Amino acid sequence: MFTGCGTALVTPFRANGSLDETALRKLVRRQIEHGIDFLVPCGTTGESPTLTRDEHLRVVEITVKEAGGTTPVLAGAGGYNTHEVVELARECARLGANGILSVTPYYNKPTQEGLYQHYKTIASAVPLPIIVYSVQGRTGVNVEPATLERLAHIDNIAGVKEASGNIGQIADICRRVPERFIVLSGDDAVTIPVISLGGRGIISVVSNQIPHVMTELARHARQGDFARARELQKRYFDLMSVNFVESNPIPVKYGMYRMGLLELAYRLPMVEPSPASKEKIDRVLDALSLTAQPALSATGGPAEVR
């Protein structure tokens, strides 16, 4: 169910800070129309730590309704309080999500045994496929290959979104886990090597902008047509990279604003990109002919792009 390319959806807000449900519906429809394999609302790309519980569930509900049972929905439900994660995951399941993406507990930095017990508890409480999300650079804790090997023996722990950036670790995971266990890249730029090692796809940030491209790239790689996959990688590599010129999702939301897909609005502590970062993003978008809105100056108004 969760193979190929899934989009880690941004959450659109209005200028007044409220959830923009109209824009969210349009974004989800656009993803489906462009052939995305699955949808991932309320991950960290969706600024989930800033959403109220009601907003979190509303985003999942809207995504599920727009998906209409044809595109799988992997709803985000993670955090550092296992009990709260279980309750949130249950609510996502009640709303019709097809699976749960659960980021590792952050800040409290559990041991490997703590991570195992955390995910085992979620899996025993929620009868949906669970995808572990390992991103040490943002949480401070790494899910080691031996721990994932243990977790893979729990029936409904279905896979891992691996965003360590450590290709050697990903190779170790792929050799340890059973065939049914889905290894997904958490970084757009390494989708091809992860699939070549046995991974099954990508949970993507850049597919918020170019869903058709990333779906095609993942499909070619999974079919062994790495030459075609590399052509797409080369063309869009700068976009994959510039989306991380500042903390995600700051750059991708600015890029989507320039594409005419949403209002440029964040929730603190996320803020607009710096002028220098805007200029870098502008150059990449303009080179790919993706822009629909004028660039913004440091003061927020239209600006010349050099």
C-alpha atoms as a PDB file:
ATOM      1  CA  MET A   1       0.000   0.000   0.000  1.00  0.00           C
ATOM      2  CA  PHE A   2       2.730   2.495   0.946  1.00  0.00           C
ATOM      3  CA  THR A   3       5.189   2.033  -1.893  1.00  0.00           C
ATOM      4  CA  GLY A   4       6.241   4.337  -4.702  1.00  0.00           C
ATOM      5  CA  CYS A   5       5.979   8.050  -3.924  1.00  0.00           C
ATOM      6  CA  GLY A   6       3.994   9.494  -1.072  1.00  0.00           C
ATOM      7  CA  THR A   7       3.779  13.228  -0.437  1.00  0.00           C
ATOM      8  CA  ALA A   8       4.495  14.623   3.013  1.00  0.00           C
ATOM      9  CA  LEU A   9       1.771  17.228   2.637  1.00  0.00           C
ATOM     10  CA  VAL A  10       2.301  20.789   3.809  1.00  0.00           C
ATOM     11  CA  THR A  11      -0.538  22.298   5.825  1.00  0.00           C
ATOM     12  CA  PRO A  12      -1.810  25.515   4.212  1.00  0.00           C
ATOM     13  CA  PHE A  13      -2.745  28.409   6.479  1.00  0.00           C
ATOM     14  CA  ARG A  14      -4.454  31.712   5.809  1.00  0.00           C
ATOM     15  CA  ALA A  15      -2.762  35.037   6.491  1.00  0.00           C
ATOM     16  CA  ASN A  16      -4.628  35.234   9.806  1.00  0.00           C
ATOM     17  CA  GLY A  17      -3.070  31.938  10.897  1.00  0.00           C
ATOM     18  CA  SER A  18      -6.169  29.754  10.528  1.00  0.00           C
ATOM     19  CA  LEU A  19      -6.260  26.446   8.697  1.00  0.00           C
ATOM     20  CA  ASP A  20      -7.008  26.959   4.994  1.00  0.00           C
ATOM     21  CA  GLU A  21      -9.351  24.062   4.296  1.00  0.00           C
ATOM     22  CA  THR A  22     -10.104  25.192   0.743  1.00  0.00           C
ATOM     23  CA  ALA A  23      -6.429  25.241  -0.190  1.00  0.00           C
ATOM     24  CA  LEU A  24      -5.888  21.868   1.501  1.00  0.00           C
ATOM     25  CA  ARG A  25      -8.623  20.259  -0.585  1.00  0.00           C
ATOM     26  CA  LYS A  26      -7.110  21.711  -3.748  1.00  0.00           C
ATOM     27  CA  LEU A  27      -3.641  20.474  -2.819  1.00  0.00           C
ATOM     28  CA  VAL A  28      -4.913  16.957  -2.148  1.00  0.00           C
ATOM     29  CA  ARG A  29      -6.880  16.890  -5.407  1.00  0.00           C
ATOM     30  CA  ARG A  30      -3.821  18.094  -7.302  1.00  0.00           C
ATOM     31  CA  GLN A  31      -1.747  15.280  -5.823  1.00  0.00           C
ATOM     32  CA  ILE A  32      -4.301  12.669  -6.814  1.00  0.00           C
ATOM     33  CA  GLU A  33      -4.742  14.105 -10.308  1.00  0.00           C
ATOM     34  CA  HIS A  34      -0.966  13.912 -10.789  1.00  0.00           C
ATOM     35  CA  GLY A  35      -0.912  10.229  -9.884  1.00  0.00           C
ATOM     36  CA  ILE A  36       0.655  10.238  -6.433  1.00  0.00           C
ATOM     37  CA  ASP A  37       0.831   6.775  -4.865  1.00  0.00           C
ATOM     38  CA  PHE A  38      -0.151   7.774  -1.320  1.00  0.00           C
ATOM     39  CA  LEU A  39      -0.683  10.837   0.856  1.00  0.00           C
ATOM     40  CA  VAL A  40       0.933  11.740   4.180  1.00  0.00           C
ATOM     41  CA  PRO A  41      -0.951  14.473   6.083  1.00  0.00           C
ATOM     42  CA  CYS A  42       0.187  15.840   9.435  1.00  0.00           C
ATOM     43  CA  GLY A  43       3.804  14.804   9.303  1.00  0.00           C
ATOM     44  CA  THR A  44       6.415  17.292  10.422  1.00  0.00           C
ATOM     45  CA  THR A  45       6.389  18.805   6.921  1.00  0.00           C
ATOM     46  CA  GLY A  46       2.758  19.610   7.726  1.00  0.00           C
ATOM     47  CA  GLU A  47       3.868  21.617  10.776  1.00  0.00           C
ATOM     48  CA  SER A  48       2.030  19.105  12.947  1.00  0.00           C
ATOM     49  CA  PRO A  49       3.608  20.295  16.227  1.00  0.00           C
ATOM     50  CA  THR A  50       1.815  23.629  15.742  1.00  0.00           C
ATOM     51  CA  LEU A  51      -1.609  22.129  15.003  1.00  0.00           C
ATOM     52  CA  THR A  52      -4.220  21.773  17.700  1.00  0.00           C
ATOM     53  CA  ARG A  53      -5.586  18.266  18.135  1.00  0.00           C
ATOM     54  CA  ASP A  54      -8.830  19.285  16.434  1.00  0.00           C
ATOM     55  CA  GLU A  55      -6.927  20.812  13.508  1.00  0.00           C
ATOM     56  CA  HIS A  56      -4.720  17.739  13.205  1.00  0.00           C
ATOM     57  CA  LEU A  57      -7.755  15.491  12.969  1.00  0.00           C
ATOM     58  CA  ARG A  58      -9.506  17.885  10.599  1.00  0.00           C
ATOM     59  CA  VAL A  59      -6.551  17.778   8.183  1.00  0.00           C
ATOM     60  CA  VAL A  60      -6.609  13.985   8.266  1.00  0.00           C
ATOM     61  CA  GLU A  61     -10.388  13.939   7.791  1.00  0.00           C
ATOM     62  CA  ILE A  62     -10.245  16.245   4.764  1.00  0.00           C
ATOM     63  CA  THR A  63      -7.405  14.258   3.199  1.00  0.00           C
ATOM     64  CA  VAL A  64      -9.247  10.970   3.668  1.00  0.00           C
ATOM     65  CA  LYS A  65     -12.457  12.389   2.178  1.00  0.00           C
ATOM     66  CA  GLU A  66     -10.681  13.862  -0.838  1.00  0.00           C
ATOM     67  CA  ALA A  67      -8.752  10.621  -1.376  1.00  0.00           C
ATOM     68  CA  GLY A  68     -12.116   8.895  -1.626  1.00  0.00           C
ATOM     69  CA  GLY A  69     -10.766   5.445  -0.872  1.00  0.00           C
ATOM     70  CA  THR A  70      -8.666   5.380  -4.045  1.00  0.00           C
ATOM     71  CA  THR A  71      -5.391   6.863  -2.754  1.00  0.00           C
ATOM     72  CA  PRO A  72      -4.030   5.486   0.541  1.00  0.00           C
ATOM     73  CA  VAL A  73      -3.608   7.927   3.437  1.00  0.00           C
ATOM     74  CA  LEU A  74      -0.715   7.500   5.866  1.00  0.00           C
ATOM     75  CA  ALA A  75      -1.584   9.866   8.701  1.00  0.00           C
ATOM     76  CA  GLY A  76       1.063  11.371  10.947  1.00  0.00           C
ATOM     77  CA  ALA A  77       0.785  10.591  14.660  1.00  0.00           C
ATOM     78  CA  GLY A  78       4.021  10.853  16.589  1.00  0.00           C
ATOM     79  CA  GLY A  79       5.540  12.444  19.630  1.00  0.00           C
ATOM     80  CA  TYR A  80       7.342  11.892  22.895  1.00  0.00           C
ATOM     81  CA  ASN A  81       4.345  10.773  24.977  1.00  0.00           C
ATOM     82  CA  THR A  82       3.428   7.218  24.023  1.00  0.00           C
ATOM     83  CA  HIS A  83      -0.049   7.409  25.553  1.00  0.00           C
ATOM     84  CA  GLU A  84      -0.927  10.563  23.622  1.00  0.00           C
ATOM     85  CA  VAL A  85       0.453   9.105  20.396  1.00  0.00           C
ATOM     86  CA  VAL A  86      -1.754   6.034  20.836  1.00  0.00           C
ATOM     87  CA  GLU A  87      -4.855   8.160  21.374  1.00  0.00           C
ATOM     88  CA  LEU A  88      -4.099  10.344  18.343  1.00  0.00           C
ATOM     89  CA  ALA A  89      -3.394   7.310  16.153  1.00  0.00           C
ATOM     90  CA  ARG A  90      -6.700   5.751  17.217  1.00  0.00           C
ATOM     91  CA  GLU A  91      -8.533   8.908  16.194  1.00  0.00           C
ATOM     92  CA  CYS A  92      -6.777   8.919  12.806  1.00  0.00           C
ATOM     93  CA  ALA A  93      -7.819   5.297  12.330  1.00  0.00           C
ATOM     94  CA  ARG A  94     -11.415   6.192  13.219  1.00  0.00           C
ATOM     95  CA  LEU A  95     -11.373   8.876  10.518  1.00  0.00           C
ATOM     96  CA  GLY A  96     -10.410   6.329   7.882  1.00  0.00           C
ATOM     97  CA  ALA A  97      -6.629   6.622   7.593  1.00  0.00           C
ATOM     98  CA  ASN A  98      -5.036   3.540   6.047  1.00  0.00           C
ATOM     99  CA  GLY A  99      -1.860   3.664   8.110  1.00  0.00           C
ATOM    100  CA  ILE A 100       0.107   5.685  10.655  1.00  0.00           C
ATOM    101  CA  LEU A 101       3.461   7.405  10.213  1.00  0.00           C
ATOM    102  CA  SER A 102       4.965   7.899  13.665  1.00  0.00           C
ATOM    103  CA  VAL A 103       8.099   9.948  14.190  1.00  0.00           C
ATOM    104  CA  THR A 104      10.426   8.813  16.957  1.00  0.00           C
ATOM    105  CA  PRO A 105      10.021  10.470  20.356  1.00  0.00           C
ATOM    106  CA  TYR A 106      12.058  13.655  20.352  1.00  0.00           C
ATOM    107  CA  TYR A 107      13.836  15.537  23.121  1.00  0.00           C
ATOM    108  CA  ASN A 108      13.560  12.783  25.743  1.00  0.00           C
ATOM    109  CA  LYS A 109      15.851  10.567  23.592  1.00  0.00           C
ATOM    110  CA  PRO A 110      14.752   7.065  24.627  1.00  0.00           C
ATOM    111  CA  THR A 111      17.086   4.094  24.519  1.00  0.00           C
ATOM    112  CA  GLN A 112      16.752   1.476  21.781  1.00  0.00           C
ATOM    113  CA  GLU A 113      14.676  -0.634  24.175  1.00  0.00           C
ATOM    114  CA  GLY A 114      12.481   2.397  24.861  1.00  0.00           C
ATOM    115  CA  LEU A 115      11.971   2.890  21.127  1.00  0.00           C
ATOM    116  CA  TYR A 116      11.061  -0.761  20.707  1.00  0.00           C
ATOM    117  CA  GLN A 117       8.507  -0.651  23.528  1.00  0.00           C
ATOM    118  CA  HIS A 118       7.106   2.667  22.248  1.00  0.00           C
ATOM    119  CA  TYR A 119       6.358   1.301  18.784  1.00  0.00           C
ATOM    120  CA  LYS A 120       5.233  -2.078  20.096  1.00  0.00           C
ATOM    121  CA  THR A 121       2.682  -0.287  22.288  1.00  0.00           C
ATOM    122  CA  ILE A 122       1.350   1.784  19.371  1.00  0.00           C
ATOM    123  CA  ALA A 123       1.120  -1.283  17.142  1.00  0.00           C
ATOM    124  CA  SER A 124      -0.758  -3.293  19.758  1.00  0.00           C
ATOM    125  CA  ALA A 125      -3.291  -0.474  20.268  1.00  0.00           C
ATOM    126  CA  VAL A 126      -3.935   0.538  16.648  1.00  0.00           C
ATOM    127  CA  PRO A 127      -4.896  -2.125  14.073  1.00  0.00           C
ATOM    128  CA  LEU A 128      -3.328  -0.287  11.138  1.00  0.00           C
ATOM    129  CA  PRO A 129       0.042  -0.556   9.404  1.00  0.00           C
ATOM    130  CA  ILE A 130       2.598   1.513  11.311  1.00  0.00           C
ATOM    131  CA  ILE A 131       5.523   3.185   9.534  1.00  0.00           C
ATOM    132  CA  VAL A 132       8.365   4.168  11.851  1.00  0.00           C
ATOM    133  CA  TYR A 133       9.867   7.562  11.044  1.00  0.00           C
ATOM    134  CA  SER A 134      13.558   7.753  11.898  1.00  0.00           C
ATOM    135  CA  VAL A 135      15.129  11.218  11.488  1.00  0.00           C
ATOM    136  CA  GLN A 136      17.935  11.607  13.987  1.00  0.00           C
ATOM    137  CA  GLY A 137      18.947  15.040  12.742  1.00  0.00           C
ATOM    138  CA  ARG A 138      15.641  16.474  13.943  1.00  0.00           C
ATOM    139  CA  THR A 139      14.731  14.270  16.895  1.00  0.00           C
ATOM    140  CA  GLY A 140      18.110  13.507  18.452  1.00  0.00           C
ATOM    141  CA  VAL A 141      17.530   9.748  18.410  1.00  0.00           C
ATOM    142  CA  ASN A 142      18.374   7.099  15.814  1.00  0.00           C
ATOM    143  CA  VAL A 143      16.440   3.885  15.277  1.00  0.00           C
ATOM    144  CA  GLU A 144      19.297   1.447  14.839  1.00  0.00           C
ATOM    145  CA  PRO A 145      19.128  -1.393  12.292  1.00  0.00           C
ATOM    146  CA  ALA A 146      18.972  -4.041  15.026  1.00  0.00           C
ATOM    147  CA  THR A 147      15.965  -2.297  16.577  1.00  0.00           C
ATOM    148  CA  LEU A 148      14.158  -2.113  13.251  1.00  0.00           C
ATOM    149  CA  GLU A 149      14.925  -5.798  12.740  1.00  0.00           C
ATOM    150  CA  ARG A 150      13.127  -6.519  16.041  1.00  0.00           C
ATOM    151  CA  LEU A 151      10.227  -4.222  15.170  1.00  0.00           C
ATOM    152  CA  ALA A 152       9.830  -5.888  11.770  1.00  0.00           C
ATOM    153  CA  HIS A 153       8.671  -9.052  13.529  1.00  0.00           C
ATOM    154  CA  ILE A 154       5.574  -7.228  14.845  1.00  0.00           C
ATOM    155  CA  ASP A 155       2.845  -7.927  12.295  1.00  0.00           C
ATOM    156  CA  ASN A 156       1.490  -4.422  11.748  1.00  0.00           C
ATOM    157  CA  ILE A 157       4.776  -2.545  11.929  1.00  0.00           C
ATOM    158  CA  ALA A 158       4.982  -2.349   8.179  1.00  0.00           C
ATOM    159  CA  GLY A 159       8.068  -0.271   7.439  1.00  0.00           C
ATOM    160  CA  VAL A 160      10.318   2.681   8.080  1.00  0.00           C
ATOM    161  CA  LYS A 161      10.757   6.137   6.652  1.00  0.00           C
ATOM    162  CA  GLU A 162      14.532   6.340   6.899  1.00  0.00           C
ATOM    163  CA  ALA A 163      15.877   9.894   6.920  1.00  0.00           C
ATOM    164  CA  SER A 164      19.201   9.396   8.677  1.00  0.00           C
ATOM    165  CA  GLY A 165      21.124  10.310   5.541  1.00  0.00           C
ATOM    166  CA  ASN A 166      23.396   7.345   6.303  1.00  0.00           C
ATOM    167  CA  ILE A 167      23.430   5.123   3.227  1.00  0.00           C
ATOM    168  CA  GLY A 168      25.453   2.465   5.024  1.00  0.00           C
ATOM    169  CA  GLN A 169      22.808   2.259   7.736  1.00  0.00           C
ATOM    170  CA  ILE A 170      20.037   2.042   5.148  1.00  0.00           C
ATOM    171  CA  ALA A 171      21.888  -0.784   3.395  1.00  0.00           C
ATOM    172  CA  ASP A 172      22.174  -2.604   6.720  1.00  0.00           C
ATOM    173  CA  ILE A 173      18.450  -2.183   7.379  1.00  0.00           C
ATOM    174  CA  CYS A 174      17.536  -3.497   3.924  1.00  0.00           C
ATOM    175  CA  ARG A 175      19.579  -6.654   4.447  1.00  0.00           C
ATOM    176  CA  ARG A 176      18.160  -7.306   7.932  1.00  0.00           C
ATOM    177  CA  VAL A 177      14.416  -6.832   7.492  1.00  0.00           C
ATOM    178  CA  PRO A 178      12.016  -9.319   5.875  1.00  0.00           C
ATOM    179  CA  GLU A 179      10.719  -8.778   2.345  1.00  0.00           C
ATOM    180  CA  ARG A 180       7.330  -7.541   3.554  1.00  0.00           C
ATOM    181  CA  PHE A 181       8.928  -4.686   5.520  1.00  0.00           C
ATOM    182  CA  ILE A 182       8.862  -1.448   3.517  1.00  0.00           C
ATOM    183  CA  VAL A 183      11.957   0.754   3.568  1.00  0.00           C
ATOM    184  CA  LEU A 184      11.177   4.260   2.315  1.00  0.00           C
ATOM    185  CA  SER A 185      13.610   7.088   1.741  1.00  0.00           C
ATOM    186  CA  GLY A 186      12.988  10.174   3.840  1.00  0.00           C
ATOM    187  CA  ASP A 187      15.206  12.345   1.634  1.00  0.00           C
ATOM    188  CA  ASP A 188      14.297  13.208  -1.955  1.00  0.00           C
ATOM    189  CA  ALA A 189      17.887  13.390  -3.137  1.00  0.00           C
ATOM    190  CA  VAL A 190      18.702   9.788  -2.170  1.00  0.00           C
ATOM    191  CA  THR A 191      15.542   8.113  -3.474  1.00  0.00           C
ATOM    192  CA  ILE A 192      17.438   6.289  -6.220  1.00  0.00           C
ATOM    193  CA  PRO A 193      20.197   4.791  -4.036  1.00  0.00           C
ATOM    194  CA  VAL A 194      17.691   3.746  -1.370  1.00  0.00           C
ATOM    195  CA  ILE A 195      15.553   1.931  -3.958  1.00  0.00           C
ATOM    196  CA  SER A 196      18.659   0.360  -5.487  1.00  0.00           C
ATOM    197  CA  LEU A 197      19.474  -1.137  -2.064  1.00  0.00           C
ATOM    198  CA  GLY A 198      16.018  -2.669  -1.738  1.00  0.00           C
ATOM    199  CA  GLY A 199      13.904   0.261  -0.628  1.00  0.00           C
ATOM    200  CA  ARG A 200      10.378   0.584  -1.963  1.00  0.00           C
ATOM    201  CA  GLY A 201       9.961   4.315  -2.479  1.00  0.00           C
ATOM    202  CA  ILE A 202      10.013   7.787  -0.966  1.00  0.00           C
ATOM    203  CA  ILE A 203       8.001   9.973   1.378  1.00  0.00           C
ATOM    204  CA  SER A 204       8.727  13.189  -0.435  1.00  0.00           C
ATOM    205  CA  VAL A 205       8.830  16.909   0.258  1.00  0.00           C
ATOM    206  CA  VAL A 206       9.499  18.030  -3.317  1.00  0.00           C
ATOM    207  CA  SER A 207       6.427  16.135  -4.557  1.00  0.00           C
ATOM    208  CA  ASN A 208       4.360  18.899  -2.952  1.00  0.00           C
ATOM    209  CA  GLN A 209       5.591  20.873  -5.966  1.00  0.00           C
ATOM    210  CA  ILE A 210       6.177  18.190  -8.615  1.00  0.00           C
ATOM    211  CA  PRO A 211       4.119  15.096  -7.706  1.00  0.00           C
ATOM    212  CA  HIS A 212       4.092  13.745 -11.251  1.00  0.00           C
ATOM    213  CA  VAL A 213       7.897  13.904 -11.499  1.00  0.00           C
ATOM    214  CA  MET A 214       8.622  12.180  -8.199  1.00  0.00           C
ATOM    215  CA  THR A 215       6.007   9.508  -8.854  1.00  0.00           C
ATOM    216  CA  GLU A 216       7.645   8.807 -12.202  1.00  0.00           C
ATOM    217  CA  LEU A 217      11.156   8.863 -10.725  1.00  0.00           C
ATOM    218  CA  ALA A 218      10.223   6.336  -8.038  1.00  0.00           C
ATOM    219  CA  ARG A 219       8.423   4.134 -10.556  1.00  0.00           C
ATOM    220  CA  HIS A 220      11.382   4.040 -12.951  1.00  0.00           C
ATOM    221  CA  ALA A 221      13.783   3.242 -10.114  1.00  0.00           C
ATOM    222  CA  ARG A 222      11.552   0.462  -8.778  1.00  0.00           C
ATOM    223  CA  GLN A 223      11.346  -1.008 -12.284  1.00  0.00           C
ATOM    224  CA  GLY A 224      15.121  -0.957 -12.587  1.00  0.00           C
ATOM    225  CA  ASP A 225      15.217   1.812 -15.184  1.00  0.00           C
ATOM    226  CA  PHE A 226      17.828   3.803 -13.316  1.00  0.00           C
ATOM    227  CA  ALA A 227      18.936   5.672 -16.429  1.00  0.00           C
ATOM    228  CA  ARG A 228      15.531   7.355 -16.749  1.00  0.00           C
ATOM    229  CA  ALA A 229      15.308   7.892 -13.006  1.00  0.00           C
ATOM    230  CA  ARG A 230      18.707   9.613 -13.060  1.00  0.00           C
ATOM    231  CA  GLU A 231      17.572  11.939 -15.865  1.00  0.00           C
ATOM    232  CA  LEU A 232      14.751  13.192 -13.662  1.00  0.00           C
ATOM    233  CA  GLN A 233      17.058  13.395 -10.653  1.00  0.00           C
ATOM    234  CA  LYS A 234      19.518  15.567 -12.575  1.00  0.00           C
ATOM    235  CA  ARG A 235      16.828  17.908 -13.858  1.00  0.00           C
ATOM    236  CA  TYR A 236      15.171  18.462 -10.488  1.00  0.00           C
ATOM    237  CA  PHE A 237      18.093  17.999  -8.101  1.00  0.00           C
ATOM    238  CA  ASP A 238      18.443  21.734  -7.475  1.00  0.00           C
ATOM    239  CA  LEU A 239      14.794  21.911  -6.429  1.00  0.00           C
ATOM    240  CA  MET A 240      15.216  18.926  -4.096  1.00  0.00           C
ATOM    241  CA  SER A 241      18.211  20.640  -2.536  1.00  0.00           C
ATOM    242  CA  VAL A 242      16.913  24.206  -2.261  1.00  0.00           C
ATOM    243  CA  ASN A 243      13.880  22.945  -0.353  1.00  0.00           C
ATOM    244  CA  PHE A 244      16.300  22.430   2.525  1.00  0.00           C
ATOM    245  CA  VAL A 245      18.178  25.719   2.294  1.00  0.00           C
ATOM    246  CA  GLU A 246      16.374  26.478   5.559  1.00  0.00           C
ATOM    247  CA  SER A 247      14.419  24.238   7.916  1.00  0.00           C
ATOM    248  CA  ASN A 248      11.656  22.244   6.256  1.00  0.00           C
ATOM    249  CA  PRO A 249       8.898  23.256   5.432  1.00  0.00           C
ATOM    250  CA  ILE A 250       9.965  26.908   5.170  1.00  0.00           C
ATOM    251  CA  PRO A 251      11.425  26.735   1.635  1.00  0.00           C
ATOM    252  CA  VAL A 252       8.869  24.363   0.097  1.00  0.00           C
ATOM    253  CA  LYS A 253       5.956  26.503   1.281  1.00  0.00           C
ATOM    254  CA  TYR A 254       7.587  29.612  -0.164  1.00  0.00           C
ATOM    255  CA  GLY A 255       8.077  27.716  -3.414  1.00  0.00           C
ATOM    256  CA  MET A 256       4.448  26.624  -3.426  1.00  0.00           C
ATOM    257  CA  TYR A 257       3.392  30.222  -2.857  1.00  0.00           C
ATOM    258  CA  ARG A 258       5.384  31.231  -5.922  1.00  0.00           C
ATOM    259  CA  MET A 259       3.675  28.429  -7.836  1.00  0.00           C
ATOM    260  CA  GLY A 260       0.284  29.891  -6.891  1.00  0.00           C
ATOM    261  CA  LEU A 261      -0.696  26.893  -4.744  1.00  0.00           C
ATOM    262  CA  LEU A 262      -1.176  28.523  -1.329  1.00  0.00           C
ATOM    263  CA  GLU A 263      -0.867  31.691   0.723  1.00  0.00           C
ATOM    264  CA  LEU A 264       2.539  32.328   2.228  1.00  0.00           C
ATOM    265  CA  ALA A 265       1.697  31.692   5.873  1.00  0.00           C
ATOM    266  CA  TYR A 266       3.484  29.823   8.633  1.00  0.00           C
ATOM    267  CA  ARG A 267       2.967  29.250  12.321  1.00  0.00           C
ATOM    268  CA  LEU A 268       5.637  30.248  14.777  1.00  0.00           C
ATOM    269  CA  PRO A 269       8.337  29.259  15.276  1.00  0.00           C
ATOM    270  CA  MET A 270       8.362  28.818  11.474  1.00  0.00           C
ATOM    271  CA  VAL A 271       8.851  32.111   9.615  1.00  0.00           C
ATOM    272  CA  GLU A 272       9.401  33.231   6.012  1.00  0.00           C
ATOM    273  CA  PRO A 273      12.774  32.441   4.407  1.00  0.00           C
ATOM    274  CA  SER A 274      15.508  35.037   4.609  1.00  0.00           C
ATOM    275  CA  PRO A 275      15.944  37.328   1.574  1.00  0.00           C
ATOM    276  CA  ALA A 276      19.044  35.378   0.540  1.00  0.00           C
ATOM    277  CA  SER A 277      17.161  32.086   0.712  1.00  0.00           C
ATOM    278  CA  LYS A 278      14.208  33.507  -1.210  1.00  0.00           C
ATOM    279  CA  GLU A 279      16.568  34.535  -3.974  1.00  0.00           C
ATOM    280  CA  LYS A 280      18.025  31.012  -4.177  1.00  0.00           C
ATOM    281  CA  ILE A 281      14.564  29.451  -4.287  1.00  0.00           C
ATOM    282  CA  ASP A 282      13.394  31.988  -6.872  1.00  0.00           C
ATOM    283  CA  ARG A 283      16.282  31.177  -9.192  1.00  0.00           C
ATOM    284  CA  VAL A 284      15.600  27.451  -9.092  1.00  0.00           C
ATOM    285  CA  LEU A 285      11.838  27.803  -9.610  1.00  0.00           C
ATOM    286  CA  ASP A 286      12.278  30.263 -12.463  1.00  0.00           C
ATOM    287  CA  ALA A 287      14.850  28.023 -14.163  1.00  0.00           C
ATOM    288  CA  LEU A 288      12.293  25.191 -14.091  1.00  0.00           C
ATOM    289  CA  SER A 289       9.432  27.471 -15.253  1.00  0.00           C
ATOM    290  CA  LEU A 290       7.404  26.620 -12.171  1.00  0.00           C
ATOM    291  CA  THR A 291       6.477  30.103 -10.998  1.00  0.00           C
ATOM    292  CA  ALA A 292       3.074  31.753 -11.147  1.00  0.00           C
ATOM    293  CA  GLN A 293       3.432  34.439  -8.460  1.00  0.00           C
ATOM    294  CA  PRO A 294       6.030  37.254  -8.370  1.00  0.00           C
ATOM    295  CA  ALA A 295       9.027  36.893  -6.104  1.00  0.00           C
ATOM    296  CA  LEU A 296       8.918  38.640  -2.731  1.00  0.00           C
ATOM    297  CA  SER A 297      11.311  41.267  -1.473  1.00  0.00           C
ATOM    298  CA  ALA A 298      12.657  41.380   2.073  1.00  0.00           C
ATOM    299  CA  THR A 299       9.626  43.456   3.039  1.00  0.00           C
ATOM    300  CA  GLY A 300       7.168  40.976   1.585  1.00  0.00           C
ATOM    301  CA  GLY A 301       6.329  42.803  -1.653  1.00  0.00           C
ATOM    302  CA  PRO A 302       7.166  41.888  -5.267  1.00  0.00           C
ATOM    303  CA  ALA A 303      10.844  42.060  -6.122  1.00  0.00           C
ATOM    304  CA  GLU A 304      13.156  41.756  -9.084  1.00  0.00           C
ATOM    305  CA  VAL A 305      14.844  38.351  -9.348  1.00  0.00           C
ATOM    306  CA  ARG A 306      18.431  38.609 -10.485  1.00  0.00           C
END
